[in-house]
């Protein structure tokens, strides 16, 4: 018995060392861990401020204020990638406003949904999917704004807000801006965002890369909406989200991203379901696990999209369980429809104005060393 105890103590330092080594490989400079802590902090501040305003002032739609503000703040923090406090503050304010604008656009467009036959309000997400791809032409801020517009629409779709809640949505955007800016100002120069290398331009006369990506996302979303009208998908919004965010700067990049997303989902979802008892009986521990998973998400996102997807899938399962959605069939529907969306996304990337990785022609060496070609051009989209 005593020898077994000694062996277990001996294994603990080795396990800790392996975990530390793994963290160093993913995040050698600790910069991404800081960003992970920042986005979790922004989410928490926004949620608490929303709850405080909700209990202090009673107004239309106040029950959704905390949820919307936390969502806007979280994904604004994920999308922001500046190197100075001032530029980060500016971008976070714009990204939070974009999230609110997306939610408002959903409310405005939902009034014409009854005239579209069997298509439900999820058709509005097609517009957001288009912006996710198209606005990437304006750099990292444009990519973030496009993503926030879609996130705002998705959150509005999930809450079912109406026109009378417009004031609450604007307040949620303001709360999100404050909540996301505060931790970024405090993190200061400790962060060094990883910027993706620019894509090589397409040959003259061809449709721009961003326009092609926008059409691919929109067509995949349209197919999902039509398919949902026929076979009644239970969680079609999740399929649209998957098809939108797997579109990369090339067909091969999209296929690689789908493969990684499938791997991550197949690992993260079962782990999240295994933690359902914790979410039901020990919510504080479940929130802690979800926060740790989001930190891993921020660390892995630039290069290990599979790990990032697994961490997010785990977080999603746990937070859904905490909020009361514990139906295995519902969670399974979100999982398999996410995979369906990924499959449709890669199909659209290969069929609709397909993008191929273009490499510059090799030049003869002018000295003792040959010029190096860019590494893995498709990886730049993993940041978006």
Protein backbone atom coordinates (compact mmCIF):
# COMPACT_ATOMS: atom_id res chain seq x y z
CA UNK A 1 0.00 0.00 0.00
CA UNK A 2 2.80 2.36 0.95
CA UNK A 3 4.74 1.60 -2.25
CA UNK A 4 1.63 2.32 -4.38
CA UNK A 5 1.24 5.67 -2.64
CA UNK A 6 4.87 6.55 -3.35
CA UNK A 7 4.44 5.63 -6.99
CA UNK A 8 1.37 7.86 -7.31
CA UNK A 9 3.30 10.79 -5.82
CA UNK A 10 6.13 10.11 -8.25
CA UNK A 11 3.75 10.17 -11.21
CA UNK A 12 2.24 13.54 -10.26
CA UNK A 13 5.33 15.68 -11.09
CA UNK A 14 5.70 13.83 -14.41
CA UNK A 15 2.05 14.54 -15.30
CA UNK A 16 2.39 18.20 -14.33
CA UNK A 17 5.56 18.44 -16.41
CA UNK A 18 3.80 16.94 -19.44
CA UNK A 19 0.91 19.39 -19.12
CA UNK A 20 3.33 22.31 -18.78
CA UNK A 21 5.28 21.11 -21.81
CA UNK A 22 2.07 20.86 -23.85
CA UNK A 23 1.07 24.38 -22.85
CA UNK A 24 4.47 25.70 -23.83
CA UNK A 25 4.23 24.07 -27.25
CA UNK A 26 0.86 25.70 -27.94
CA UNK A 27 1.60 29.03 -26.27
CA UNK A 28 5.36 29.48 -25.78
CA UNK A 29 5.12 33.17 -24.88
CA UNK A 30 2.05 32.97 -22.61
CA UNK A 31 0.43 35.63 -24.84
CA UNK A 32 -2.52 33.49 -25.87
CA UNK A 33 -3.19 32.41 -22.32
CA UNK A 34 -3.49 36.07 -21.40
CA UNK A 35 -5.97 36.58 -24.22
CA UNK A 36 -7.92 33.54 -23.02
CA UNK A 37 -8.12 35.00 -19.53
CA UNK A 38 -9.17 38.33 -21.01
CA UNK A 39 -12.08 36.99 -23.02
CA UNK A 40 -13.33 34.94 -20.05
CA UNK A 41 -13.07 38.06 -17.87
CA UNK A 42 -14.95 40.15 -20.45
CA UNK A 43 -17.72 37.55 -20.54
CA UNK A 44 -17.99 37.54 -16.74
CA UNK A 45 -18.01 41.33 -16.40
CA UNK A 46 -20.68 41.71 -19.09
CA UNK A 47 -22.85 39.00 -17.52
CA UNK A 48 -22.61 40.55 -14.04
CA UNK A 49 -23.25 44.10 -15.28
CA UNK A 50 -26.24 42.86 -17.24
CA UNK A 51 -27.67 41.07 -14.22
CA UNK A 52 -27.12 44.17 -12.07
CA UNK A 53 -28.96 46.41 -14.52
CA UNK A 54 -31.67 43.80 -14.92
CA UNK A 55 -32.40 43.66 -11.18
CA UNK A 56 -32.01 47.40 -10.67
CA UNK A 57 -34.14 48.62 -13.56
CA UNK A 58 -37.13 46.76 -14.94
CA UNK A 59 -37.58 47.38 -18.66
CA UNK A 60 -38.69 45.46 -21.73
CA UNK A 61 -36.50 42.48 -22.50
CA UNK A 62 -34.27 42.96 -19.47
CA UNK A 63 -34.13 39.21 -18.90
CA UNK A 64 -32.00 38.87 -22.07
CA UNK A 65 -29.65 41.77 -21.32
CA UNK A 66 -27.03 39.72 -19.50
CA UNK A 67 -27.04 36.98 -22.12
CA UNK A 68 -26.68 39.31 -25.09
CA UNK A 69 -24.06 41.55 -23.46
CA UNK A 70 -21.93 38.56 -22.46
CA UNK A 71 -22.13 37.11 -25.98
CA UNK A 72 -21.21 40.41 -27.63
CA UNK A 73 -18.27 40.93 -25.24
CA UNK A 74 -16.93 37.39 -25.56
CA UNK A 75 -16.80 37.27 -29.35
CA UNK A 76 -15.63 40.88 -29.67
CA UNK A 77 -12.66 39.90 -27.49
CA UNK A 78 -12.03 36.84 -29.67
CA UNK A 79 -12.10 38.85 -32.91
CA UNK A 80 -9.99 41.79 -31.70
CA UNK A 81 -6.31 41.55 -32.65
CA UNK A 82 -4.57 44.91 -32.22
CA UNK A 83 -1.23 45.56 -30.54
CA UNK A 84 -1.90 48.83 -28.68
CA UNK A 85 -4.44 49.76 -26.02
CA UNK A 86 -5.91 52.58 -28.10
CA UNK A 87 -6.44 50.54 -31.25
CA UNK A 88 -7.81 47.65 -29.22
CA UNK A 89 -10.25 49.96 -27.42
CA UNK A 90 -11.43 51.39 -30.73
CA UNK A 91 -11.90 47.95 -32.28
CA UNK A 92 -13.66 46.48 -29.24
CA UNK A 93 -16.15 49.36 -29.24
CA UNK A 94 -16.81 48.87 -32.97
CA UNK A 95 -17.11 45.10 -32.61
CA UNK A 96 -19.57 45.42 -29.73
CA UNK A 97 -21.62 47.88 -31.79
CA UNK A 98 -21.54 45.44 -34.73
CA UNK A 99 -22.94 42.70 -32.51
CA UNK A 100 -25.81 44.96 -31.47
CA UNK A 101 -26.36 45.97 -35.11
CA UNK A 102 -26.58 42.32 -36.10
CA UNK A 103 -29.23 41.67 -33.46
CA UNK A 104 -31.19 44.76 -34.57
CA UNK A 105 -31.01 43.64 -38.20
CA UNK A 106 -32.45 40.27 -37.25
CA UNK A 107 -35.34 41.95 -35.44
CA UNK A 108 -35.99 44.24 -38.41
CA UNK A 109 -35.89 41.46 -41.02
CA UNK A 110 -37.88 38.94 -38.98
CA UNK A 111 -41.07 40.92 -39.65
CA UNK A 112 -41.09 39.66 -43.26
CA UNK A 113 -40.47 36.00 -42.39
CA UNK A 114 -44.18 34.99 -42.55
CA UNK A 115 -44.21 35.79 -46.26
CA UNK A 116 -41.52 33.24 -47.07
CA UNK A 117 -43.59 30.07 -46.83
CA UNK A 118 -42.06 27.28 -44.78
CA UNK A 119 -38.75 29.11 -44.26
CA UNK A 120 -38.39 30.15 -40.64
CA UNK A 121 -36.51 33.18 -39.30
CA UNK A 122 -33.20 31.36 -39.75
CA UNK A 123 -33.20 32.58 -43.37
CA UNK A 124 -31.96 35.91 -41.97
CA UNK A 125 -28.72 34.20 -40.98
CA UNK A 126 -27.93 33.91 -44.70
CA UNK A 127 -27.24 37.66 -44.76
CA UNK A 128 -24.93 37.39 -41.78
CA UNK A 129 -23.12 34.44 -43.37
CA UNK A 130 -22.48 36.59 -46.44
CA UNK A 131 -20.99 39.40 -44.34
CA UNK A 132 -18.68 36.98 -42.51
CA UNK A 133 -16.92 36.23 -45.80
CA UNK A 134 -17.22 39.54 -47.63
CA UNK A 135 -16.01 41.91 -44.90
CA UNK A 136 -12.70 40.02 -44.64
CA UNK A 137 -11.56 42.21 -47.53
CA UNK A 138 -11.20 45.04 -44.99
CA UNK A 139 -8.65 43.25 -42.84
CA UNK A 140 -8.86 41.89 -39.34
CA UNK A 141 -11.33 44.55 -38.17
CA UNK A 142 -13.60 43.93 -41.15
CA UNK A 143 -13.47 40.19 -40.53
CA UNK A 144 -14.39 40.77 -36.90
CA UNK A 145 -17.28 43.10 -37.76
CA UNK A 146 -18.67 40.55 -40.22
CA UNK A 147 -18.44 37.84 -37.59
CA UNK A 148 -20.08 40.06 -34.95
CA UNK A 149 -23.00 40.87 -37.27
CA UNK A 150 -23.62 37.15 -37.64
CA UNK A 151 -23.16 36.50 -33.90
CA UNK A 152 -25.68 39.27 -33.14
CA UNK A 153 -28.19 37.69 -35.50
CA UNK A 154 -27.59 34.25 -34.00
CA UNK A 155 -28.08 35.50 -30.43
CA UNK A 156 -31.25 37.35 -31.45
CA UNK A 157 -32.50 34.18 -33.14
CA UNK A 158 -31.87 32.18 -29.98
CA UNK A 159 -33.63 34.64 -27.66
CA UNK A 160 -36.57 35.51 -29.91
CA UNK A 161 -36.37 39.25 -29.18
CA UNK A 162 -38.74 41.65 -30.94
CA UNK A 163 -38.79 45.31 -31.95
CA UNK A 164 -39.78 46.43 -28.48
CA UNK A 165 -36.46 45.05 -27.24
CA UNK A 166 -34.37 47.33 -29.49
CA UNK A 167 -33.41 49.63 -26.62
CA UNK A 168 -32.26 46.66 -24.56
CA UNK A 169 -30.09 45.44 -27.46
CA UNK A 170 -28.37 48.82 -27.73
CA UNK A 171 -27.75 48.79 -23.97
CA UNK A 172 -26.30 45.28 -24.27
CA UNK A 173 -23.87 46.59 -26.91
CA UNK A 174 -22.78 49.38 -24.57
CA UNK A 175 -22.31 46.99 -21.64
CA UNK A 176 -20.32 44.65 -23.88
CA UNK A 177 -18.02 47.47 -24.99
CA UNK A 178 -17.25 48.43 -21.39
CA UNK A 179 -16.80 44.82 -20.29
CA UNK A 180 -14.43 43.95 -23.12
CA UNK A 181 -12.37 47.15 -23.00
CA UNK A 182 -11.57 47.00 -19.28
CA UNK A 183 -9.55 43.73 -19.30
CA UNK A 184 -7.82 44.72 -22.55
CA UNK A 185 -6.63 48.00 -21.02
CA UNK A 186 -5.37 46.11 -17.96
CA UNK A 187 -3.54 43.46 -20.02
CA UNK A 188 -1.62 46.22 -21.79
CA UNK A 189 1.60 45.31 -23.61
CA UNK A 190 1.50 41.74 -22.30
CA UNK A 191 -0.39 40.69 -25.44
CA UNK A 192 1.22 40.17 -28.83
CA UNK A 193 -1.50 39.18 -31.33
CA UNK A 194 -0.53 36.71 -34.03
CA UNK A 195 -1.31 38.30 -37.38
CA UNK A 196 -2.02 36.08 -40.35
CA UNK A 197 0.10 36.50 -43.50
CA UNK A 198 -1.68 38.18 -46.43
CA UNK A 199 -3.22 35.99 -49.08
CA UNK A 200 -1.72 36.12 -52.56
CA UNK A 201 -3.96 38.08 -54.99
CA UNK A 202 -6.01 36.19 -57.54
CA UNK A 203 -5.30 36.63 -61.25
CA UNK A 204 -6.68 39.82 -62.80
CA UNK A 205 -10.30 39.69 -63.93
CA UNK A 206 -11.40 37.07 -61.39
CA UNK A 207 -13.95 37.61 -58.64
CA UNK A 208 -12.24 38.61 -55.40
CA UNK A 209 -11.39 35.96 -52.82
CA UNK A 210 -13.64 37.54 -50.18
CA UNK A 211 -16.62 37.76 -52.55
CA UNK A 212 -16.22 34.10 -53.41
CA UNK A 213 -16.06 33.14 -49.74
CA UNK A 214 -19.18 35.23 -49.09
CA UNK A 215 -21.11 33.48 -51.87
CA UNK A 216 -19.95 30.08 -50.65
CA UNK A 217 -21.14 30.81 -47.10
CA UNK A 218 -24.44 32.25 -48.27
CA UNK A 219 -25.21 29.37 -50.66
CA UNK A 220 -24.39 26.77 -47.99
CA UNK A 221 -26.67 28.60 -45.54
CA UNK A 222 -29.45 28.77 -48.15
CA UNK A 223 -29.22 25.02 -48.76
CA UNK A 224 -29.52 24.39 -45.01
CA UNK A 225 -32.60 26.63 -44.79
CA UNK A 226 -34.25 24.80 -47.69
CA UNK A 227 -33.25 21.42 -46.26
CA UNK A 228 -34.69 22.39 -42.88
CA UNK A 229 -37.99 23.20 -44.56
CA UNK A 230 -38.11 19.70 -46.02
CA UNK A 231 -36.84 17.46 -43.20
CA UNK A 232 -37.32 19.89 -40.30
CA UNK A 233 -33.84 20.15 -38.84
CA UNK A 234 -34.04 20.58 -35.09
CA UNK A 235 -31.08 22.95 -34.78
CA UNK A 236 -30.60 24.42 -38.26
CA UNK A 237 -28.93 27.56 -36.91
CA UNK A 238 -26.01 25.46 -35.67
CA UNK A 239 -25.62 23.90 -39.10
CA UNK A 240 -25.55 27.37 -40.68
CA UNK A 241 -22.96 28.50 -38.16
CA UNK A 242 -20.74 25.54 -38.93
CA UNK A 243 -20.98 26.02 -42.70
CA UNK A 244 -20.20 29.73 -42.33
CA UNK A 245 -17.09 29.44 -40.20
CA UNK A 246 -15.43 26.54 -42.01
CA UNK A 247 -15.09 28.52 -45.26
CA UNK A 248 -11.39 29.32 -45.69
CA UNK A 249 -9.28 31.12 -48.29
CA UNK A 250 -9.02 28.02 -50.48
CA UNK A 251 -10.93 24.80 -51.12
CA UNK A 252 -8.14 22.75 -49.58
CA UNK A 253 -8.08 25.06 -46.55
CA UNK A 254 -11.83 24.62 -46.12
CA UNK A 255 -11.51 20.83 -46.31
CA UNK A 256 -8.73 20.88 -43.72
CA UNK A 257 -10.79 23.11 -41.45
CA UNK A 258 -13.83 20.80 -41.74
CA UNK A 259 -11.68 17.79 -40.92
CA UNK A 260 -10.31 19.52 -37.84
CA UNK A 261 -13.76 20.69 -36.79
CA UNK A 262 -15.16 17.17 -37.05
CA UNK A 263 -12.32 15.79 -34.94
CA UNK A 264 -12.78 18.50 -32.32
CA UNK A 265 -16.57 18.07 -32.21
CA UNK A 266 -16.34 14.29 -31.88
CA UNK A 267 -14.05 14.73 -28.87
CA UNK A 268 -15.51 17.83 -27.20
CA UNK A 269 -19.20 16.85 -27.32
CA UNK A 270 -18.82 13.46 -25.57
CA UNK A 271 -16.61 15.05 -22.90
CA UNK A 272 -19.23 17.72 -22.36
CA UNK A 273 -22.01 15.15 -22.08
CA UNK A 274 -19.95 13.23 -19.52
CA UNK A 275 -19.83 16.40 -17.42
CA UNK A 276 -23.62 16.78 -17.37
CA UNK A 277 -23.85 15.53 -13.74
CA UNK A 278 -21.34 18.19 -12.70
CA UNK A 279 -23.32 20.88 -14.53
CA UNK A 280 -26.53 19.79 -12.83
CA UNK A 281 -25.25 19.34 -9.28
CA UNK A 282 -22.12 21.52 -9.02
CA UNK A 283 -22.65 24.52 -11.34
CA UNK A 284 -19.67 26.56 -10.00
CA UNK A 285 -17.29 23.72 -10.91
CA UNK A 286 -18.93 23.40 -14.34
CA UNK A 287 -18.46 27.14 -14.98
CA UNK A 288 -14.81 26.77 -13.98
CA UNK A 289 -14.32 23.92 -16.44
CA UNK A 290 -16.03 25.94 -19.18
CA UNK A 291 -13.76 28.92 -18.48
CA UNK A 292 -10.65 26.72 -18.66
CA UNK A 293 -11.89 25.28 -21.95
CA UNK A 294 -12.31 28.78 -23.40
CA UNK A 295 -8.78 29.66 -22.36
CA UNK A 296 -7.58 26.56 -24.23
CA UNK A 297 -9.76 27.70 -27.16
CA UNK A 298 -7.96 31.05 -27.30
CA UNK A 299 -4.56 29.37 -27.02
CA UNK A 300 -5.17 26.79 -29.72
CA UNK A 301 -7.16 28.85 -32.24
CA UNK A 302 -4.32 30.24 -34.37
CA UNK A 303 -2.72 26.90 -35.22
CA UNK A 304 -4.70 24.00 -33.73
CA UNK A 305 -8.23 24.51 -35.01
CA UNK A 306 -9.13 20.95 -33.99
CA UNK A 307 -8.25 21.58 -30.34
CA UNK A 308 -10.05 24.93 -30.45
CA UNK A 309 -13.22 23.31 -31.83
CA UNK A 310 -13.05 20.55 -29.23
CA UNK A 311 -12.66 23.08 -26.40
CA UNK A 312 -15.56 25.16 -27.68
CA UNK A 313 -17.79 22.12 -28.19
CA UNK A 314 -17.08 21.10 -24.60
CA UNK A 315 -17.87 24.61 -23.34
CA UNK A 316 -21.09 24.70 -25.32
CA UNK A 317 -22.32 21.37 -23.95
CA UNK A 318 -21.54 22.36 -20.38
CA UNK A 319 -23.12 25.82 -20.56
CA UNK A 320 -26.22 24.43 -22.24
CA UNK A 321 -26.57 21.92 -19.42
CA UNK A 322 -26.14 24.65 -16.80
CA UNK A 323 -28.89 26.69 -18.48
CA UNK A 324 -31.25 23.69 -18.27
CA UNK A 325 -30.91 22.11 -21.73
CA UNK A 326 -30.03 18.56 -20.70
CA UNK A 327 -31.90 16.59 -23.37
CA UNK A 328 -29.45 14.14 -24.94
CA UNK A 329 -31.46 14.21 -28.18
CA UNK A 330 -31.20 18.00 -28.34
CA UNK A 331 -27.46 17.98 -27.64
CA UNK A 332 -26.95 15.21 -30.18
CA UNK A 333 -28.96 17.17 -32.78
CA UNK A 334 -26.70 20.16 -32.31
CA UNK A 335 -23.67 17.93 -32.72
CA UNK A 336 -24.70 16.08 -35.89
CA UNK A 337 -26.21 19.15 -37.53
CA UNK A 338 -22.94 20.97 -36.89
CA UNK A 339 -21.20 18.18 -38.80
CA UNK A 340 -23.84 18.48 -41.54
CA UNK A 341 -23.12 22.19 -41.83
CA UNK A 342 -19.41 21.51 -42.12
CA UNK A 343 -20.00 19.02 -44.91
CA UNK A 344 -22.17 21.49 -46.82
CA UNK A 345 -19.56 24.19 -46.27
CA UNK A 346 -16.77 22.16 -47.85
CA UNK A 347 -19.11 21.16 -50.71
CA UNK A 348 -19.87 24.82 -51.40
CA UNK A 349 -16.15 25.66 -51.27
CA UNK A 350 -15.41 23.04 -53.92
CA UNK A 351 -18.40 23.77 -56.19
CA UNK A 352 -19.29 27.48 -55.86
CA UNK A 353 -16.50 29.60 -57.40
CA UNK A 354 -13.81 27.33 -55.94
CA UNK A 355 -10.66 28.92 -54.57
CA UNK A 356 -7.30 27.29 -55.04
CA UNK A 357 -4.05 28.04 -53.30
CA UNK A 358 -1.88 30.07 -55.64
CA UNK A 359 1.86 30.12 -55.18
CA UNK A 360 4.26 32.53 -56.86
CA UNK A 361 6.61 31.04 -59.45
CA UNK A 362 10.00 30.03 -58.17
CA UNK A 363 12.78 32.42 -59.03
CA UNK A 364 16.33 31.32 -59.67
CA UNK A 365 18.69 31.88 -56.81
CA UNK A 366 20.84 34.97 -57.21
CA UNK A 367 23.27 34.00 -54.50
CA UNK A 368 24.26 31.06 -52.36
CA UNK A 369 20.73 30.84 -50.89
CA UNK A 370 17.44 30.28 -52.70
CA UNK A 371 14.46 32.46 -51.76
CA UNK A 372 11.92 30.77 -49.49
CA UNK A 373 8.32 30.38 -50.56
CA UNK A 374 5.52 31.26 -48.10
CA UNK A 375 4.58 28.48 -45.70
CA UNK A 376 1.04 27.00 -45.72
CA UNK A 377 -0.95 29.90 -47.13
CA UNK A 378 -4.24 28.28 -46.15
CA UNK A 379 -3.48 28.57 -42.44
CA UNK A 380 -4.10 32.31 -42.38
CA UNK A 381 -7.85 31.72 -42.32
CA UNK A 382 -7.64 29.79 -39.05
CA UNK A 383 -7.57 33.13 -37.25
CA UNK A 384 -10.90 34.19 -38.67
